[in-house]
Amino acid sequence: MRALLNYLKEKNILTATHKGHSLTPAGDKIIAGFLNFASFPFEISLSDMTQDKCIGIILKNASEKIKSGIEERDTAIREGCDGAYILLYTNDGFKFPSVNTSIFDYPVSHEYLNNIARLENLNEGDIVVICFADDFINAENGVINISLNKQNFNWKLF
């Protein structure tokens, strides 16, 4: 962790004071770039789909970058997750990519996701990535890694 913080300080992304670390203007720009296409990760409960801990993230205008969802699931598993749900948002609601399962098969999750869609003002073409794991840390690592891969986000650090 210390090596990463030192590296970010060398690249003028972070500053350190006796009160802690904070972002520089360059760091703010990087975070703003990320938030242009992704929400902050959030805890989500999908009790009728999985009993694992779930973290979700919304990716704006990313549906064309999803084929079957298998690539994203594999990324999640490499990050220590048990799996991932990729949900495409359309004007008709949420859909799984290229599978015969409907979100309507999961009424509790369907209602929960529709509330998120309303609160977050989702548009046609947005996706919700949900990773599930034994702990929230692995689930969060999964959604962040998937979101960075889908958007070809370039940190311009390395």
Protein backbone atom coordinates (compact mmCIF):
# COMPACT_ATOMS: atom_id res chain seq x y z
CA MET A 1 0.00 0.00 0.00
CA ARG A 2 2.80 2.40 0.90
CA ALA A 3 4.47 1.80 -2.47
CA LEU A 4 1.25 2.64 -4.30
CA LEU A 5 0.74 5.83 -2.27
CA ASN A 6 4.33 6.87 -2.91
CA TYR A 7 3.91 6.20 -6.62
CA LEU A 8 0.73 8.30 -6.76
CA LYS A 9 2.53 11.10 -4.93
CA GLU A 10 5.43 10.93 -7.42
CA LYS A 11 2.94 11.23 -10.28
CA ASN A 12 1.33 14.26 -8.61
CA ILE A 13 -2.00 12.47 -8.12
CA LEU A 14 -1.96 12.62 -4.31
CA THR A 15 -0.54 14.92 -1.71
CA ALA A 16 0.27 13.88 1.82
CA THR A 17 -0.06 15.95 4.97
CA HIS A 18 -0.07 15.08 8.64
CA LYS A 19 -3.89 14.84 8.35
CA GLY A 20 -3.74 12.23 5.58
CA HIS A 21 -3.77 12.01 1.80
CA SER A 22 -5.83 14.06 -0.63
CA LEU A 23 -6.19 14.31 -4.38
CA THR A 24 -4.37 16.96 -6.37
CA PRO A 25 -6.15 18.73 -9.25
CA ALA A 26 -4.69 16.05 -11.56
CA GLY A 27 -6.14 13.37 -9.28
CA ASP A 28 -9.51 15.13 -9.32
CA LYS A 29 -9.41 15.06 -13.12
CA ILE A 30 -8.79 11.31 -13.16
CA ILE A 31 -11.69 10.66 -10.79
CA ALA A 32 -13.97 12.96 -12.80
CA GLY A 33 -13.07 11.00 -15.94
CA PHE A 34 -14.03 7.75 -14.24
CA LEU A 35 -17.30 9.19 -12.95
CA ASN A 36 -18.29 10.32 -16.46
CA PHE A 37 -19.01 6.71 -17.32
CA ALA A 38 -19.43 4.89 -14.01
CA SER A 39 -21.24 5.38 -10.74
CA PHE A 40 -19.62 4.78 -7.41
CA PRO A 41 -19.89 1.10 -6.43
CA PHE A 42 -22.87 0.42 -4.18
CA GLU A 43 -24.11 -2.44 -2.02
CA ILE A 44 -27.13 -4.21 -3.42
CA SER A 45 -29.33 -7.00 -2.06
CA LEU A 46 -30.53 -9.62 -4.52
CA SER A 47 -31.87 -12.16 -2.04
CA ASP A 48 -33.75 -14.19 -4.63
CA MET A 49 -30.69 -14.43 -6.92
CA THR A 50 -27.81 -15.05 -4.49
CA GLN A 51 -27.09 -15.14 -0.78
CA ASP A 52 -23.58 -13.73 -1.32
CA LYS A 53 -22.53 -10.15 -0.68
CA CYS A 54 -23.29 -8.05 -3.77
CA ILE A 55 -21.80 -4.83 -5.10
CA GLY A 56 -23.18 -3.06 -8.15
CA ILE A 57 -21.97 -0.33 -10.45
CA ILE A 58 -23.76 1.52 -13.23
CA LEU A 59 -21.99 2.00 -16.55
CA LYS A 60 -23.46 4.68 -18.74
CA ASN A 61 -24.03 3.96 -22.42
CA ALA A 62 -22.06 0.71 -22.33
CA SER A 63 -24.53 -1.90 -23.62
CA GLU A 64 -22.83 -2.17 -27.02
CA LYS A 65 -19.66 -3.31 -25.24
CA ILE A 66 -21.38 -6.38 -23.78
CA LYS A 67 -21.69 -9.55 -25.83
CA SER A 68 -22.77 -12.49 -23.68
CA GLY A 69 -21.63 -11.47 -20.19
CA ILE A 70 -19.23 -14.41 -19.99
CA GLU A 71 -16.12 -12.25 -20.34
CA GLU A 72 -17.33 -10.05 -17.48
CA ARG A 73 -18.17 -13.07 -15.32
CA ASP A 74 -14.67 -14.45 -15.91
CA THR A 75 -13.14 -11.12 -14.90
CA ALA A 76 -15.18 -11.18 -11.69
CA ILE A 77 -14.05 -14.72 -10.89
CA ARG A 78 -10.40 -13.73 -11.41
CA GLU A 79 -10.99 -10.96 -8.85
CA GLY A 80 -12.19 -13.47 -6.24
CA CYS A 81 -15.94 -13.25 -6.90
CA ASP A 82 -18.28 -16.20 -7.16
CA GLY A 83 -19.80 -14.64 -10.27
CA ALA A 84 -21.38 -11.59 -11.85
CA TYR A 85 -24.70 -10.47 -13.27
CA ILE A 86 -24.64 -8.12 -16.22
CA LEU A 87 -27.98 -6.40 -16.72
CA LEU A 88 -28.74 -4.31 -19.78
CA TYR A 89 -31.23 -1.50 -19.24
CA THR A 90 -33.79 -0.88 -21.97
CA ASN A 91 -37.02 1.08 -22.01
CA ASP A 92 -38.71 -2.27 -21.25
CA GLY A 93 -36.59 -2.83 -18.13
CA PHE A 94 -33.58 -4.98 -17.35
CA LYS A 95 -32.42 -7.86 -19.52
CA PHE A 96 -29.65 -10.41 -19.27
CA PRO A 97 -27.44 -10.47 -22.38
CA SER A 98 -27.98 -13.50 -24.63
CA VAL A 99 -29.63 -15.86 -22.13
CA ASN A 100 -33.16 -17.16 -21.86
CA THR A 101 -33.50 -16.21 -18.19
CA SER A 102 -35.65 -13.19 -17.48
CA ILE A 103 -35.23 -10.75 -14.62
CA PHE A 104 -38.97 -11.29 -14.09
CA ASP A 105 -38.03 -14.75 -12.76
CA TYR A 106 -36.62 -12.88 -9.73
CA PRO A 107 -39.43 -10.60 -8.47
CA VAL A 108 -37.61 -9.23 -5.40
CA SER A 109 -34.50 -8.35 -7.39
CA HIS A 110 -36.61 -7.01 -10.26
CA GLU A 111 -38.35 -4.54 -7.97
CA TYR A 112 -35.08 -3.53 -6.29
CA LEU A 113 -33.40 -2.93 -9.65
CA ASN A 114 -36.35 -0.92 -10.96
CA ASN A 115 -36.03 1.35 -7.91
CA ILE A 116 -32.34 1.85 -8.73
CA ALA A 117 -33.25 2.64 -12.35
CA ARG A 118 -35.68 5.32 -11.20
CA LEU A 119 -33.35 6.83 -8.60
CA GLU A 120 -30.34 6.88 -10.93
CA ASN A 121 -32.29 7.96 -14.03
CA LEU A 122 -31.00 5.09 -16.13
CA ASN A 123 -31.30 5.40 -19.89
CA GLU A 124 -31.52 2.89 -22.69
CA GLY A 125 -28.01 1.50 -23.20
CA ASP A 126 -26.88 1.76 -19.58
CA ILE A 127 -25.81 -1.40 -17.80
CA VAL A 128 -25.70 -2.50 -14.20
CA VAL A 129 -22.84 -4.81 -13.28
CA ILE A 130 -23.35 -6.80 -10.09
CA CYS A 131 -20.59 -8.96 -8.64
CA PHE A 132 -21.21 -11.35 -5.79
CA ALA A 133 -18.70 -12.90 -3.43
CA ASP A 134 -18.22 -14.08 0.14
CA ASP A 135 -17.15 -10.55 1.08
CA PHE A 136 -17.80 -7.04 -0.14
CA ILE A 137 -14.13 -6.32 -0.93
CA ASN A 138 -13.86 -9.01 -3.61
CA ALA A 139 -17.26 -8.04 -5.02
CA GLU A 140 -16.18 -4.40 -5.22
CA ASN A 141 -12.88 -5.34 -6.86
CA GLY A 142 -14.88 -7.27 -9.45
CA VAL A 143 -17.20 -4.42 -10.45
CA ILE A 144 -14.37 -1.89 -10.58
CA ASN A 145 -12.21 -4.14 -12.75
CA ILE A 146 -15.10 -4.90 -15.11
CA SER A 147 -16.01 -1.23 -15.39
CA LEU A 148 -12.43 -0.21 -16.17
CA ASN A 149 -12.14 -2.95 -18.80
CA LYS A 150 -15.44 -2.09 -20.47
CA GLN A 151 -14.64 1.57 -20.79
CA ASN A 152 -10.99 1.10 -21.75
CA PHE A 153 -10.27 3.61 -19.02
CA ASN A 154 -6.71 4.89 -19.18
CA TRP A 155 -5.33 6.06 -15.86
CA LYS A 156 -2.37 7.65 -17.66
CA LEU A 157 -0.23 6.75 -14.68
CA PHE A 158 1.75 3.68 -15.64
